[in-house]
């Protein structure tokens, strides 16, 4: 089911045919550079099952994201409830993971702007957050482009990353609904 459409993309629920393309994305070390490890087929199967169940329960998820023109799955973009305890939870996170060949085209920004609108306007979420390793400048740049602001006191060690990992620390970005409603995020190609 198509949930959100942009000029170039469709954010939709997950299909069985998405498994192989997502496996390829999750197995690419360039894509997974800022995660503890690449993900195998079993982890990918579990992720799709979790994302589908999250949509069924909440009405939003990290959506399968495809190019409109080609119908190609390029990765995922969307919203999910943060599943671990931290000083900022409970919270709803915006996140993305795109295949390497789709980087640099503005897809993450385009889809994330649509996901923000979906979360705030359809569900009335009070705030949407995002987080990434401090050194993950690409993801942080997308967060800033879509209007999230770094919480300078919000840094944390992610409980799902090894404590001695060079992925730590993580930075926290926030966008309260009041701020979202009073500003317009312009999509610039």
C-alpha atoms as a PDB file:
ATOM      1  CA  UNK A   1       0.000   0.000   0.000  1.00  0.00           C
ATOM      2  CA  UNK A   2       1.373   3.417  -0.979  1.00  0.00           C
ATOM      3  CA  UNK A   3       1.308   5.693   2.044  1.00  0.00           C
ATOM      4  CA  UNK A   4       3.208   8.821   1.023  1.00  0.00           C
ATOM      5  CA  UNK A   5       4.266  10.058  -2.402  1.00  0.00           C
ATOM      6  CA  UNK A   6       6.719  12.783  -3.354  1.00  0.00           C
ATOM      7  CA  UNK A   7       7.707  14.074  -6.757  1.00  0.00           C
ATOM      8  CA  UNK A   8      10.149  11.212  -7.340  1.00  0.00           C
ATOM      9  CA  UNK A   9       9.468   8.658  -4.614  1.00  0.00           C
ATOM     10  CA  UNK A  10       6.869   6.369  -3.100  1.00  0.00           C
ATOM     11  CA  UNK A  11       6.968   5.487   0.602  1.00  0.00           C
ATOM     12  CA  UNK A  12       4.927   2.336   1.088  1.00  0.00           C
ATOM     13  CA  UNK A  13       4.382  -0.753   3.178  1.00  0.00           C
ATOM     14  CA  UNK A  14       6.743  -3.689   2.815  1.00  0.00           C
ATOM     15  CA  UNK A  15       6.274  -6.467   0.223  1.00  0.00           C
ATOM     16  CA  UNK A  16       7.821  -9.915   0.004  1.00  0.00           C
ATOM     17  CA  UNK A  17       9.708  -8.803  -3.129  1.00  0.00           C
ATOM     18  CA  UNK A  18      11.581  -6.199  -1.046  1.00  0.00           C
ATOM     19  CA  UNK A  19      13.580  -8.852   0.794  1.00  0.00           C
ATOM     20  CA  UNK A  20      16.389  -9.411  -1.736  1.00  0.00           C
ATOM     21  CA  UNK A  21      16.979  -5.725  -2.537  1.00  0.00           C
ATOM     22  CA  UNK A  22      17.038  -4.839   1.178  1.00  0.00           C
ATOM     23  CA  UNK A  23      19.434  -7.736   1.833  1.00  0.00           C
ATOM     24  CA  UNK A  24      21.814  -6.237  -0.736  1.00  0.00           C
ATOM     25  CA  UNK A  25      21.560  -2.788   0.882  1.00  0.00           C
ATOM     26  CA  UNK A  26      22.091  -4.195   4.396  1.00  0.00           C
ATOM     27  CA  UNK A  27      25.099  -6.250   3.252  1.00  0.00           C
ATOM     28  CA  UNK A  28      26.908  -3.253   1.728  1.00  0.00           C
ATOM     29  CA  UNK A  29      29.700  -2.105   4.067  1.00  0.00           C
ATOM     30  CA  UNK A  30      29.516   1.436   2.629  1.00  0.00           C
ATOM     31  CA  UNK A  31      25.858   1.706   3.657  1.00  0.00           C
ATOM     32  CA  UNK A  32      26.457   0.092   7.041  1.00  0.00           C
ATOM     33  CA  UNK A  33      29.639   2.029   7.877  1.00  0.00           C
ATOM     34  CA  UNK A  34      28.015   3.706  10.891  1.00  0.00           C
ATOM     35  CA  UNK A  35      26.367   0.562  12.257  1.00  0.00           C
ATOM     36  CA  UNK A  36      28.051  -2.141  14.337  1.00  0.00           C
ATOM     37  CA  UNK A  37      28.103  -4.507  11.336  1.00  0.00           C
ATOM     38  CA  UNK A  38      26.498  -5.415   8.037  1.00  0.00           C
ATOM     39  CA  UNK A  39      23.266  -7.363   8.351  1.00  0.00           C
ATOM     40  CA  UNK A  40      22.713 -10.863   7.035  1.00  0.00           C
ATOM     41  CA  UNK A  41      19.540 -12.307   5.511  1.00  0.00           C
ATOM     42  CA  UNK A  42      18.123 -13.447   8.857  1.00  0.00           C
ATOM     43  CA  UNK A  43      18.509  -9.967  10.378  1.00  0.00           C
ATOM     44  CA  UNK A  44      16.984  -8.409   7.263  1.00  0.00           C
ATOM     45  CA  UNK A  45      14.008 -10.781   7.464  1.00  0.00           C
ATOM     46  CA  UNK A  46      13.509  -9.814  11.120  1.00  0.00           C
ATOM     47  CA  UNK A  47      13.789  -6.104  10.283  1.00  0.00           C
ATOM     48  CA  UNK A  48      11.088  -6.329   7.602  1.00  0.00           C
ATOM     49  CA  UNK A  49       8.822  -8.275   9.981  1.00  0.00           C
ATOM     50  CA  UNK A  50       9.373  -5.677  12.730  1.00  0.00           C
ATOM     51  CA  UNK A  51       8.769  -2.752  10.359  1.00  0.00           C
ATOM     52  CA  UNK A  52       5.557  -4.342   9.069  1.00  0.00           C
ATOM     53  CA  UNK A  53       4.307  -5.010  12.607  1.00  0.00           C
ATOM     54  CA  UNK A  54       5.204  -1.451  13.627  1.00  0.00           C
ATOM     55  CA  UNK A  55       3.084  -0.087  10.770  1.00  0.00           C
ATOM     56  CA  UNK A  56       0.161  -2.343  11.701  1.00  0.00           C
ATOM     57  CA  UNK A  57       0.298  -1.135  15.310  1.00  0.00           C
ATOM     58  CA  UNK A  58       1.129   2.559  14.870  1.00  0.00           C
ATOM     59  CA  UNK A  59       0.306   3.538  11.269  1.00  0.00           C
ATOM     60  CA  UNK A  60       3.885   4.584  10.516  1.00  0.00           C
ATOM     61  CA  UNK A  61       7.220   2.834  10.116  1.00  0.00           C
ATOM     62  CA  UNK A  62      10.464   3.052   8.207  1.00  0.00           C
ATOM     63  CA  UNK A  63       8.698   2.693   4.867  1.00  0.00           C
ATOM     64  CA  UNK A  64       9.964   0.788   1.863  1.00  0.00           C
ATOM     65  CA  UNK A  65      11.032   3.616  -0.427  1.00  0.00           C
ATOM     66  CA  UNK A  66      11.078   3.271  -4.187  1.00  0.00           C
ATOM     67  CA  UNK A  67      11.728   5.441  -7.192  1.00  0.00           C
ATOM     68  CA  UNK A  68       8.432   6.280  -8.890  1.00  0.00           C
ATOM     69  CA  UNK A  69       9.857   6.157 -12.380  1.00  0.00           C
ATOM     70  CA  UNK A  70      11.623   2.784 -12.147  1.00  0.00           C
ATOM     71  CA  UNK A  71       9.764   1.093  -9.283  1.00  0.00           C
ATOM     72  CA  UNK A  72      13.170   0.211  -7.801  1.00  0.00           C
ATOM     73  CA  UNK A  73      13.432  -0.193  -4.027  1.00  0.00           C
ATOM     74  CA  UNK A  74      16.116   2.280  -2.964  1.00  0.00           C
ATOM     75  CA  UNK A  75      15.960   1.613   0.789  1.00  0.00           C
ATOM     76  CA  UNK A  76      13.782   2.903   3.586  1.00  0.00           C
ATOM     77  CA  UNK A  77      12.766   6.242   5.059  1.00  0.00           C
ATOM     78  CA  UNK A  78      10.207   6.966   7.736  1.00  0.00           C
ATOM     79  CA  UNK A  79       9.295   7.038  11.388  1.00  0.00           C
ATOM     80  CA  UNK A  80       9.532   4.515  14.209  1.00  0.00           C
ATOM     81  CA  UNK A  81       9.228   4.533  17.959  1.00  0.00           C
ATOM     82  CA  UNK A  82      12.616   4.422  19.670  1.00  0.00           C
ATOM     83  CA  UNK A  83      12.974   0.928  21.125  1.00  0.00           C
ATOM     84  CA  UNK A  84      15.611   1.575  23.775  1.00  0.00           C
ATOM     85  CA  UNK A  85      15.688   3.627  26.959  1.00  0.00           C
ATOM     86  CA  UNK A  86      17.480   6.954  26.885  1.00  0.00           C
ATOM     87  CA  UNK A  87      17.103  10.380  28.447  1.00  0.00           C
ATOM     88  CA  UNK A  88      14.890  11.469  25.509  1.00  0.00           C
ATOM     89  CA  UNK A  89      12.550   8.447  25.329  1.00  0.00           C
ATOM     90  CA  UNK A  90       9.770   7.710  24.758  1.00  0.00           C
ATOM     91  CA  UNK A  91      10.241   9.293  21.341  1.00  0.00           C
ATOM     92  CA  UNK A  92       9.499   8.872  17.657  1.00  0.00           C
ATOM     93  CA  UNK A  93      12.542   8.753  15.412  1.00  0.00           C
ATOM     94  CA  UNK A  94      12.910   9.713  11.764  1.00  0.00           C
ATOM     95  CA  UNK A  95      15.474   7.629   9.935  1.00  0.00           C
ATOM     96  CA  UNK A  96      16.693   6.479   6.544  1.00  0.00           C
ATOM     97  CA  UNK A  97      18.903   3.912   4.874  1.00  0.00           C
ATOM     98  CA  UNK A  98      19.433   4.064   1.136  1.00  0.00           C
ATOM     99  CA  UNK A  99      21.407   1.882  -1.240  1.00  0.00           C
ATOM    100  CA  UNK A 100      24.790   3.415  -2.018  1.00  0.00           C
ATOM    101  CA  UNK A 101      23.966   3.982  -5.695  1.00  0.00           C
ATOM    102  CA  UNK A 102      21.102   6.259  -4.604  1.00  0.00           C
ATOM    103  CA  UNK A 103      23.191   8.571  -2.421  1.00  0.00           C
ATOM    104  CA  UNK A 104      23.745  12.152  -3.501  1.00  0.00           C
ATOM    105  CA  UNK A 105      20.442  12.510  -5.360  1.00  0.00           C
ATOM    106  CA  UNK A 106      18.501  14.257  -2.604  1.00  0.00           C
ATOM    107  CA  UNK A 107      16.270  11.217  -2.046  1.00  0.00           C
ATOM    108  CA  UNK A 108      16.818  11.003   1.726  1.00  0.00           C
ATOM    109  CA  UNK A 109      15.939  14.678   2.141  1.00  0.00           C
ATOM    110  CA  UNK A 110      12.906  14.487  -0.154  1.00  0.00           C
ATOM    111  CA  UNK A 111      11.475  11.410   1.544  1.00  0.00           C
ATOM    112  CA  UNK A 112      12.294  12.629   5.058  1.00  0.00           C
ATOM    113  CA  UNK A 113      10.446  15.915   4.493  1.00  0.00           C
ATOM    114  CA  UNK A 114       7.402  13.872   3.460  1.00  0.00           C
ATOM    115  CA  UNK A 115       7.792  11.600   6.506  1.00  0.00           C
ATOM    116  CA  UNK A 116       7.921  14.616   8.841  1.00  0.00           C
ATOM    117  CA  UNK A 117       4.692  15.936   7.357  1.00  0.00           C
ATOM    118  CA  UNK A 118       3.094  12.508   7.724  1.00  0.00           C
ATOM    119  CA  UNK A 119       4.107  12.255  11.379  1.00  0.00           C
ATOM    120  CA  UNK A 120       3.148  15.741  12.440  1.00  0.00           C
ATOM    121  CA  UNK A 121       0.055  16.318  10.302  1.00  0.00           C
ATOM    122  CA  UNK A 122      -1.506  12.857  10.310  1.00  0.00           C
ATOM    123  CA  UNK A 123      -0.567  11.652  13.789  1.00  0.00           C
ATOM    124  CA  UNK A 124      -0.071  14.881  15.707  1.00  0.00           C
ATOM    125  CA  UNK A 125       3.268  13.746  17.097  1.00  0.00           C
ATOM    126  CA  UNK A 126       4.577  16.222  19.694  1.00  0.00           C
ATOM    127  CA  UNK A 127       8.197  15.868  18.552  1.00  0.00           C
ATOM    128  CA  UNK A 128      10.317  13.874  16.117  1.00  0.00           C
ATOM    129  CA  UNK A 129      13.950  13.087  16.893  1.00  0.00           C
ATOM    130  CA  UNK A 130      16.878  11.641  15.022  1.00  0.00           C
ATOM    131  CA  UNK A 131      20.301  10.497  16.128  1.00  0.00           C
ATOM    132  CA  UNK A 132      23.515   9.258  14.606  1.00  0.00           C
ATOM    133  CA  UNK A 133      27.149   8.770  15.493  1.00  0.00           C
ATOM    134  CA  UNK A 134      28.738  12.180  15.898  1.00  0.00           C
ATOM    135  CA  UNK A 135      31.098  11.461  13.004  1.00  0.00           C
ATOM    136  CA  UNK A 136      28.281  10.490  10.593  1.00  0.00           C
ATOM    137  CA  UNK A 137      28.240  13.828   8.813  1.00  0.00           C
ATOM    138  CA  UNK A 138      26.119  12.679   5.844  1.00  0.00           C
ATOM    139  CA  UNK A 139      23.170  11.697   8.012  1.00  0.00           C
ATOM    140  CA  UNK A 140      23.562  14.747  10.222  1.00  0.00           C
ATOM    141  CA  UNK A 141      23.461  16.975   7.146  1.00  0.00           C
ATOM    142  CA  UNK A 142      20.104  15.460   6.146  1.00  0.00           C
ATOM    143  CA  UNK A 143      18.794  16.064   9.685  1.00  0.00           C
ATOM    144  CA  UNK A 144      19.736  19.720   9.422  1.00  0.00           C
ATOM    145  CA  UNK A 145      18.320  20.110   5.893  1.00  0.00           C
ATOM    146  CA  UNK A 146      14.917  18.892   7.048  1.00  0.00           C
ATOM    147  CA  UNK A 147      14.798  21.278   9.980  1.00  0.00           C
ATOM    148  CA  UNK A 148      15.954  19.210  12.954  1.00  0.00           C
ATOM    149  CA  UNK A 149      18.226  21.025  15.392  1.00  0.00           C
ATOM    150  CA  UNK A 150      21.040  19.443  17.354  1.00  0.00           C
ATOM    151  CA  UNK A 151      20.388  19.208  21.080  1.00  0.00           C
ATOM    152  CA  UNK A 152      23.819  20.233  22.362  1.00  0.00           C
ATOM    153  CA  UNK A 153      23.113  18.637  25.744  1.00  0.00           C
ATOM    154  CA  UNK A 154      21.543  15.516  24.251  1.00  0.00           C
ATOM    155  CA  UNK A 155      24.593  13.469  23.258  1.00  0.00           C
ATOM    156  CA  UNK A 156      24.562   9.871  24.452  1.00  0.00           C
ATOM    157  CA  UNK A 157      26.162   6.460  24.108  1.00  0.00           C
ATOM    158  CA  UNK A 158      23.819   4.274  22.087  1.00  0.00           C
ATOM    159  CA  UNK A 159      22.977   1.116  24.053  1.00  0.00           C
ATOM    160  CA  UNK A 160      22.965  -1.031  20.881  1.00  0.00           C
ATOM    161  CA  UNK A 161      26.495  -0.040  19.852  1.00  0.00           C
ATOM    162  CA  UNK A 162      29.465  -1.531  21.697  1.00  0.00           C
ATOM    163  CA  UNK A 163      30.636   0.853  24.453  1.00  0.00           C
ATOM    164  CA  UNK A 164      34.229   0.847  23.174  1.00  0.00           C
ATOM    165  CA  UNK A 165      33.119   1.315  19.560  1.00  0.00           C
ATOM    166  CA  UNK A 166      34.307   4.253  17.497  1.00  0.00           C
ATOM    167  CA  UNK A 167      30.606   4.770  16.699  1.00  0.00           C
ATOM    168  CA  UNK A 168      30.136   6.378  20.122  1.00  0.00           C
ATOM    169  CA  UNK A 169      29.082   9.019  21.033  1.00  0.00           C
ATOM    170  CA  UNK A 170      25.796   9.674  19.275  1.00  0.00           C
ATOM    171  CA  UNK A 171      24.320  13.116  18.735  1.00  0.00           C
ATOM    172  CA  UNK A 172      20.636  13.886  19.153  1.00  0.00           C
ATOM    173  CA  UNK A 173      18.588  16.135  16.874  1.00  0.00           C
ATOM    174  CA  UNK A 174      15.039  17.293  17.654  1.00  0.00           C
ATOM    175  CA  UNK A 175      12.104  18.930  15.945  1.00  0.00           C
ATOM    176  CA  UNK A 176       9.151  19.854  18.191  1.00  0.00           C
ATOM    177  CA  UNK A 177       5.742  20.054  16.515  1.00  0.00           C
ATOM    178  CA  UNK A 178       5.428  23.747  17.450  1.00  0.00           C
ATOM    179  CA  UNK A 179       8.637  24.542  15.592  1.00  0.00           C
ATOM    180  CA  UNK A 180       7.608  22.404  12.607  1.00  0.00           C
ATOM    181  CA  UNK A 181       4.226  24.124  12.357  1.00  0.00           C
ATOM    182  CA  UNK A 182       5.800  27.596  12.453  1.00  0.00           C
ATOM    183  CA  UNK A 183       8.420  26.952   9.779  1.00  0.00           C
ATOM    184  CA  UNK A 184       8.411  25.667   6.256  1.00  0.00           C
ATOM    185  CA  UNK A 185      11.056  23.208   5.174  1.00  0.00           C
ATOM    186  CA  UNK A 186      11.869  23.949   1.558  1.00  0.00           C
ATOM    187  CA  UNK A 187      13.044  21.071  -0.586  1.00  0.00           C
ATOM    188  CA  UNK A 188      16.062  22.130  -2.597  1.00  0.00           C
ATOM    189  CA  UNK A 189      17.368  19.694  -5.195  1.00  0.00           C
END
